PDB file of N, CA and C in Angstrom:
ATOM      1  N   UNK A   1      38.718  18.082  13.129  1.00  0.00           N
ATOM      2  CA  UNK A   1      38.045  16.904  12.628  1.00  0.00           C
ATOM      3  C   UNK A   1      37.190  16.257  13.731  1.00  0.00           C
ATOM      4  N   UNK A   2      37.608  16.374  14.953  1.00  0.00           N
ATOM      5  CA  UNK A   2      36.852  15.797  16.061  1.00  0.00           C
ATOM      6  C   UNK A   2      35.515  16.505  16.225  1.00  0.00           C
ATOM      7  N   UNK A   3      35.466  17.815  15.920  1.00  0.00           N
ATOM      8  CA  UNK A   3      34.217  18.555  16.038  1.00  0.00           C
ATOM      9  C   UNK A   3      33.185  18.049  15.028  1.00  0.00           C
ATOM     10  N   UNK A   4      33.625  17.745  13.827  1.00  0.00           N
ATOM     11  CA  UNK A   4      32.711  17.254  12.792  1.00  0.00           C
ATOM     12  C   UNK A   4      32.170  15.875  13.182  1.00  0.00           C
ATOM     13  N   UNK A   5      33.007  15.019  13.688  1.00  0.00           N
ATOM     14  CA  UNK A   5      32.581  13.683  14.117  1.00  0.00           C
ATOM     15  C   UNK A   5      31.619  13.784  15.289  1.00  0.00           C
ATOM     16  N   UNK A   6      31.917  14.658  16.216  1.00  0.00           N
ATOM     17  CA  UNK A   6      31.047  14.866  17.366  1.00  0.00           C
ATOM     18  C   UNK A   6      29.684  15.382  16.924  1.00  0.00           C
ATOM     19  N   UNK A   7      29.663  16.335  16.027  1.00  0.00           N
ATOM     20  CA  UNK A   7      28.422  16.890  15.501  1.00  0.00           C
ATOM     21  C   UNK A   7      27.627  15.826  14.750  1.00  0.00           C
ATOM     22  N   UNK A   8      28.312  14.987  13.980  1.00  0.00           N
ATOM     23  CA  UNK A   8      27.653  13.918  13.239  1.00  0.00           C
ATOM     24  C   UNK A   8      26.969  12.936  14.196  1.00  0.00           C
ATOM     25  N   UNK A   9      27.630  12.572  15.251  1.00  0.00           N
ATOM     26  CA  UNK A   9      27.055  11.624  16.213  1.00  0.00           C
ATOM     27  C   UNK A   9      25.856  12.233  16.930  1.00  0.00           C
ATOM     28  N   UNK A  10      25.963  13.498  17.301  1.00  0.00           N
ATOM     29  CA  UNK A  10      24.846  14.172  17.968  1.00  0.00           C
ATOM     30  C   UNK A  10      23.642  14.275  17.033  1.00  0.00           C
ATOM     31  N   UNK A  11      23.879  14.634  15.788  1.00  0.00           N
ATOM     32  CA  UNK A  11      22.780  14.733  14.823  1.00  0.00           C
ATOM     33  C   UNK A  11      22.163  13.363  14.533  1.00  0.00           C
ATOM     34  N   UNK A  12      22.975  12.321  14.521  1.00  0.00           N
ATOM     35  CA  UNK A  12      22.473  10.972  14.321  1.00  0.00           C
ATOM     36  C   UNK A  12      21.564  10.548  15.481  1.00  0.00           C
ATOM     37  N   UNK A  13      21.941  10.910  16.699  1.00  0.00           N
ATOM     38  CA  UNK A  13      21.109  10.604  17.863  1.00  0.00           C
ATOM     39  C   UNK A  13      19.785  11.363  17.821  1.00  0.00           C
ATOM     40  N   UNK A  14      19.835  12.624  17.431  1.00  0.00           N
ATOM     41  CA  UNK A  14      18.608  13.431  17.344  1.00  0.00           C
ATOM     42  C   UNK A  14      17.689  12.882  16.257  1.00  0.00           C
ATOM     43  N   UNK A  15      18.263  12.512  15.115  1.00  0.00           N
ATOM     44  CA  UNK A  15      17.455  11.971  14.019  1.00  0.00           C
ATOM     45  C   UNK A  15      16.826  10.631  14.390  1.00  0.00           C
ATOM     46  N   UNK A  16      17.568   9.801  15.084  1.00  0.00           N
ATOM     47  CA  UNK A  16      17.006   8.505  15.472  1.00  0.00           C
ATOM     48  C   UNK A  16      15.882   8.687  16.491  1.00  0.00           C
ATOM     49  N   UNK A  17      16.016   9.656  17.380  1.00  0.00           N
ATOM     50  CA  UNK A  17      14.947   9.929  18.344  1.00  0.00           C
ATOM     51  C   UNK A  17      13.716  10.518  17.643  1.00  0.00           C
ATOM     52  N   UNK A  18      13.946  11.325  16.603  1.00  0.00           N
ATOM     53  CA  UNK A  18      12.827  11.950  15.905  1.00  0.00           C
ATOM     54  C   UNK A  18      12.049  10.943  15.060  1.00  0.00           C
ATOM     55  N   UNK A  19      12.732   9.970  14.475  1.00  0.00           N
ATOM     56  CA  UNK A  19      12.068   9.023  13.588  1.00  0.00           C
ATOM     57  C   UNK A  19      11.702   7.708  14.267  1.00  0.00           C
ATOM     58  N   UNK A  20      11.967   7.568  15.533  1.00  0.00           N
ATOM     59  CA  UNK A  20      11.622   6.343  16.249  1.00  0.00           C
ATOM     60  C   UNK A  20      10.111   6.081  16.269  1.00  0.00           C
ATOM     61  N   UNK A  21       9.249   7.085  16.512  1.00  0.00           N
ATOM     62  CA  UNK A  21       7.807   6.809  16.481  1.00  0.00           C
ATOM     63  C   UNK A  21       7.324   6.345  15.108  1.00  0.00           C
ATOM     64  N   UNK A  22       7.881   6.895  14.056  1.00  0.00           N
ATOM     65  CA  UNK A  22       7.504   6.472  12.710  1.00  0.00           C
ATOM     66  C   UNK A  22       7.902   5.016  12.474  1.00  0.00           C
ATOM     67  N   UNK A  23       9.079   4.651  12.881  1.00  0.00           N
ATOM     68  CA  UNK A  23       9.526   3.271  12.737  1.00  0.00           C
ATOM     69  C   UNK A  23       8.681   2.314  13.545  1.00  0.00           C
ATOM     70  N   UNK A  24       8.288   2.724  14.735  1.00  0.00           N
ATOM     71  CA  UNK A  24       7.444   1.880  15.581  1.00  0.00           C
ATOM     72  C   UNK A  24       6.077   1.674  14.944  1.00  0.00           C
ATOM     73  N   UNK A  25       5.509   2.747  14.377  1.00  0.00           N
ATOM     74  CA  UNK A  25       4.209   2.637  13.725  1.00  0.00           C
ATOM     75  C   UNK A  25       4.294   1.715  12.512  1.00  0.00           C
ATOM     76  N   UNK A  26       5.331   1.843  11.712  1.00  0.00           N
ATOM     77  CA  UNK A  26       5.504   0.968  10.549  1.00  0.00           C
ATOM     78  C   UNK A  26       5.657  -0.480  11.001  1.00  0.00           C
ATOM     79  N   UNK A  27       6.392  -0.709  12.061  1.00  0.00           N
ATOM     80  CA  UNK A  27       6.572  -2.055  12.600  1.00  0.00           C
ATOM     81  C   UNK A  27       5.228  -2.639  13.038  1.00  0.00           C
ATOM     82  N   UNK A  28       4.433  -1.866  13.771  1.00  0.00           N
ATOM     83  CA  UNK A  28       3.141  -2.349  14.233  1.00  0.00           C
ATOM     84  C   UNK A  28       2.173  -2.556  13.069  1.00  0.00           C
ATOM     85  N   UNK A  29       2.254  -1.699  12.063  1.00  0.00           N
ATOM     86  CA  UNK A  29       1.340  -1.780  10.921  1.00  0.00           C
ATOM     87  C   UNK A  29       1.607  -3.037  10.105  1.00  0.00           C
ATOM     88  N   UNK A  30       2.841  -3.388   9.920  1.00  0.00           N
ATOM     89  CA  UNK A  30       3.166  -4.567   9.117  1.00  0.00           C
ATOM     90  C   UNK A  30       3.077  -5.852   9.929  1.00  0.00           C
ATOM     91  N   UNK A  31       2.997  -5.748  11.222  1.00  0.00           N
ATOM     92  CA  UNK A  31       2.983  -6.926  12.073  1.00  0.00           C
ATOM     93  C   UNK A  31       1.663  -7.693  11.988  1.00  0.00           C
ATOM     94  N   UNK A  32       0.539  -6.998  11.921  1.00  0.00           N
ATOM     95  CA  UNK A  32      -0.772  -7.646  11.983  1.00  0.00           C
ATOM     96  C   UNK A  32      -1.547  -7.495  10.679  1.00  0.00           C
ATOM     97  N   UNK A  33      -0.917  -7.745   9.556  1.00  0.00           N
ATOM     98  CA  UNK A  33      -1.577  -7.738   8.242  1.00  0.00           C
ATOM     99  C   UNK A  33      -2.301  -6.422   7.944  1.00  0.00           C
ATOM    100  N   UNK A  34      -1.647  -5.331   8.168  1.00  0.00           N
ATOM    101  CA  UNK A  34      -2.224  -4.034   7.845  1.00  0.00           C
ATOM    102  C   UNK A  34      -3.163  -3.484   8.882  1.00  0.00           C
ATOM    103  N   UNK A  35      -3.212  -4.053  10.055  1.00  0.00           N
ATOM    104  CA  UNK A  35      -4.053  -3.538  11.127  1.00  0.00           C
ATOM    105  C   UNK A  35      -3.142  -3.063  12.252  1.00  0.00           C
ATOM    106  N   UNK A  36      -2.817  -1.775  12.281  1.00  0.00           N
ATOM    107  CA  UNK A  36      -1.816  -1.303  13.233  1.00  0.00           C
ATOM    108  C   UNK A  36      -2.248  -1.415  14.686  1.00  0.00           C
ATOM    109  N   UNK A  37      -3.532  -1.409  14.948  1.00  0.00           N
ATOM    110  CA  UNK A  37      -3.994  -1.432  16.322  1.00  0.00           C
ATOM    111  C   UNK A  37      -4.792  -2.680  16.636  1.00  0.00           C
ATOM    112  N   UNK A  38      -4.620  -3.723  15.856  1.00  0.00           N
ATOM    113  CA  UNK A  38      -5.327  -4.973  16.098  1.00  0.00           C
ATOM    114  C   UNK A  38      -6.756  -4.915  15.598  1.00  0.00           C
ATOM    115  N   UNK A  39      -7.594  -5.739  16.151  1.00  0.00           N
ATOM    116  CA  UNK A  39      -9.001  -5.774  15.762  1.00  0.00           C
ATOM    117  C   UNK A  39      -9.736  -4.598  16.381  1.00  0.00           C
ATOM    118  N   UNK A  40     -10.331  -3.789  15.528  1.00  0.00           N
ATOM    119  CA  UNK A  40     -11.125  -2.668  16.027  1.00  0.00           C
ATOM    120  C   UNK A  40     -12.540  -2.801  15.484  1.00  0.00           C
ATOM    121  N   UNK A  41     -13.486  -2.317  16.234  1.00  0.00           N
ATOM    122  CA  UNK A  41     -14.881  -2.393  15.827  1.00  0.00           C
ATOM    123  C   UNK A  41     -15.223  -1.134  15.037  1.00  0.00           C
ATOM    124  N   UNK A  42     -15.907  -1.273  13.909  1.00  0.00           N
ATOM    125  CA  UNK A  42     -16.282  -0.092  13.133  1.00  0.00           C
ATOM    126  C   UNK A  42     -17.214   0.823  13.917  1.00  0.00           C
ATOM    127  N   UNK A  43     -17.179   2.082  13.591  1.00  0.00           N
ATOM    128  CA  UNK A  43     -18.028   3.045  14.289  1.00  0.00           C
ATOM    129  C   UNK A  43     -19.491   2.797  13.962  1.00  0.00           C
ATOM    130  N   UNK A  44     -20.329   2.982  14.934  1.00  0.00           N
ATOM    131  CA  UNK A  44     -21.758   2.858  14.734  1.00  0.00           C
ATOM    132  C   UNK A  44     -22.308   1.496  15.091  1.00  0.00           C
ATOM    133  N   UNK A  45     -21.481   0.503  15.302  1.00  0.00           N
ATOM    134  CA  UNK A  45     -21.975  -0.827  15.616  1.00  0.00           C
ATOM    135  C   UNK A  45     -22.221  -1.026  17.109  1.00  0.00           C
ATOM    136  N   UNK A  46     -21.563  -0.265  17.935  1.00  0.00           N
ATOM    137  CA  UNK A  46     -21.707  -0.453  19.371  1.00  0.00           C
ATOM    138  C   UNK A  46     -22.767   0.497  19.924  1.00  0.00           C
ATOM    139  N   UNK A  47     -23.544  -0.016  20.863  1.00  0.00           N
ATOM    140  CA  UNK A  47     -24.584   0.806  21.486  1.00  0.00           C
ATOM    141  C   UNK A  47     -24.029   1.447  22.748  1.00  0.00           C
ATOM    142  N   UNK A  48     -24.443   2.678  22.971  1.00  0.00           N
ATOM    143  CA  UNK A  48     -24.040   3.355  24.192  1.00  0.00           C
ATOM    144  C   UNK A  48     -25.210   4.193  24.685  1.00  0.00           C
ATOM    145  N   UNK A  49     -25.127   4.591  25.918  1.00  0.00           N
ATOM    146  CA  UNK A  49     -26.187   5.401  26.518  1.00  0.00           C
ATOM    147  C   UNK A  49     -26.318   6.740  25.807  1.00  0.00           C
ATOM    148  N   UNK A  50     -25.205   7.335  25.443  1.00  0.00           N
ATOM    149  CA  UNK A  50     -25.232   8.647  24.787  1.00  0.00           C
ATOM    150  C   UNK A  50     -25.871   8.541  23.412  1.00  0.00           C
ATOM    151  N   UNK A  51     -25.538   7.487  22.641  1.00  0.00           N
ATOM    152  CA  UNK A  51     -26.145   7.307  21.322  1.00  0.00           C
ATOM    153  C   UNK A  51     -27.644   7.069  21.432  1.00  0.00           C
ATOM    154  N   UNK A  52     -28.057   6.256  22.395  1.00  0.00           N
ATOM    155  CA  UNK A  52     -29.484   5.999  22.590  1.00  0.00           C
ATOM    156  C   UNK A  52     -30.221   7.265  22.999  1.00  0.00           C
ATOM    157  N   UNK A  53     -29.606   8.056  23.859  1.00  0.00           N
ATOM    158  CA  UNK A  53     -30.220   9.313  24.289  1.00  0.00           C
ATOM    159  C   UNK A  53     -30.345  10.287  23.119  1.00  0.00           C
ATOM    160  N   UNK A  54     -29.329  10.365  22.283  1.00  0.00           N
ATOM    161  CA  UNK A  54     -29.375  11.253  21.124  1.00  0.00           C
ATOM    162  C   UNK A  54     -30.451  10.796  20.135  1.00  0.00           C
ATOM    163  N   UNK A  55     -30.561   9.503  19.900  1.00  0.00           N
ATOM    164  CA  UNK A  55     -31.595   9.003  18.995  1.00  0.00           C
ATOM    165  C   UNK A  55     -32.986   9.287  19.541  1.00  0.00           C
ATOM    166  N   UNK A  56     -33.171   9.132  20.841  1.00  0.00           N
ATOM    167  CA  UNK A  56     -34.460   9.425  21.459  1.00  0.00           C
ATOM    168  C   UNK A  56     -34.803  10.906  21.311  1.00  0.00           C
ATOM    169  N   UNK A  57     -33.831  11.771  21.520  1.00  0.00           N
ATOM    170  CA  UNK A  57     -34.070  13.210  21.383  1.00  0.00           C
ATOM    171  C   UNK A  57     -34.392  13.579  19.938  1.00  0.00           C
ATOM    172  N   UNK A  58     -33.701  12.983  18.986  1.00  0.00           N
ATOM    173  CA  UNK A  58     -33.966  13.278  17.565  1.00  0.00           C
ATOM    174  C   UNK A  58     -35.366  12.819  17.179  1.00  0.00           C
ATOM    175  N   UNK A  59     -35.769  11.623  17.597  1.00  0.00           N
ATOM    176  CA  UNK A  59     -37.110  11.135  17.276  1.00  0.00           C
ATOM    177  C   UNK A  59     -38.186  11.988  17.953  1.00  0.00           C
ATOM    178  N   UNK A  60     -37.912  12.466  19.167  1.00  0.00           N
ATOM    179  CA  UNK A  60     -38.862  13.322  19.868  1.00  0.00           C
ATOM    180  C   UNK A  60     -39.045  14.640  19.122  1.00  0.00           C
ATOM    181  N   UNK A  61     -37.952  15.242  18.695  1.00  0.00           N
ATOM    182  CA  UNK A  61     -38.032  16.521  17.971  1.00  0.00           C
ATOM    183  C   UNK A  61     -38.715  16.331  16.624  1.00  0.00           C
ATOM    184  N   UNK A  62     -38.409  15.243  15.931  1.00  0.00           N
ATOM    185  CA  UNK A  62     -39.058  14.976  14.643  1.00  0.00           C
ATOM    186  C   UNK A  62     -40.559  14.764  14.815  1.00  0.00           C
ATOM    187  N   UNK A  63     -40.943  14.092  15.867  1.00  0.00           N
ATOM    188  CA  UNK A  63     -42.371  13.870  16.085  1.00  0.00           C
ATOM    189  C   UNK A  63     -43.092  15.164  16.420  1.00  0.00           C
ATOM    190  N   UNK A  64     -42.432  16.046  17.180  1.00  0.00           N
ATOM    191  CA  UNK A  64     -43.037  17.333  17.525  1.00  0.00           C
ATOM    192  C   UNK A  64     -43.142  18.242  16.296  1.00  0.00           C
ATOM    193  N   UNK A  65     -42.150  18.239  15.448  1.00  0.00           N
ATOM    194  CA  UNK A  65     -42.184  19.066  14.245  1.00  0.00           C
ATOM    195  C   UNK A  65     -43.159  18.500  13.222  1.00  0.00           C
ATOM    196  N   UNK A  66     -43.347  17.204  13.212  1.00  0.00           N
ATOM    197  CA  UNK A  66     -44.277  16.567  12.269  1.00  0.00           C
ATOM    198  C   UNK A  66     -45.725  16.809  12.591  1.00  0.00           C
ATOM    199  N   UNK A  67     -46.056  17.044  13.848  1.00  0.00           N
ATOM    200  CA  UNK A  67     -47.447  17.271  14.260  1.00  0.00           C
ATOM    201  C   UNK A  67     -47.941  18.661  13.886  1.00  0.00           C
ATOM    202  N   UNK A  68     -47.018  19.623  13.775  1.00  0.00           N
ATOM    203  CA  UNK A  68     -47.440  21.006  13.523  1.00  0.00           C
ATOM    204  C   UNK A  68     -47.757  21.197  12.106  1.00  0.00           C
TER     205      UNK A  68
END
């Protein structure tokens, strides 16, 4: 009977370790009115050097293809 109790406790520890990240995510998600990571900015609203460079390259290629 001690083996069954020992196995039960070990399995309970493994299960709690496996489901701890899920519980943490649920806790964070319900904490801030459905926003698990707080206030985030939508994609496309922020300017960056890479986005500006890509837009410049796209406009350059479109202008070159439009002239031919």
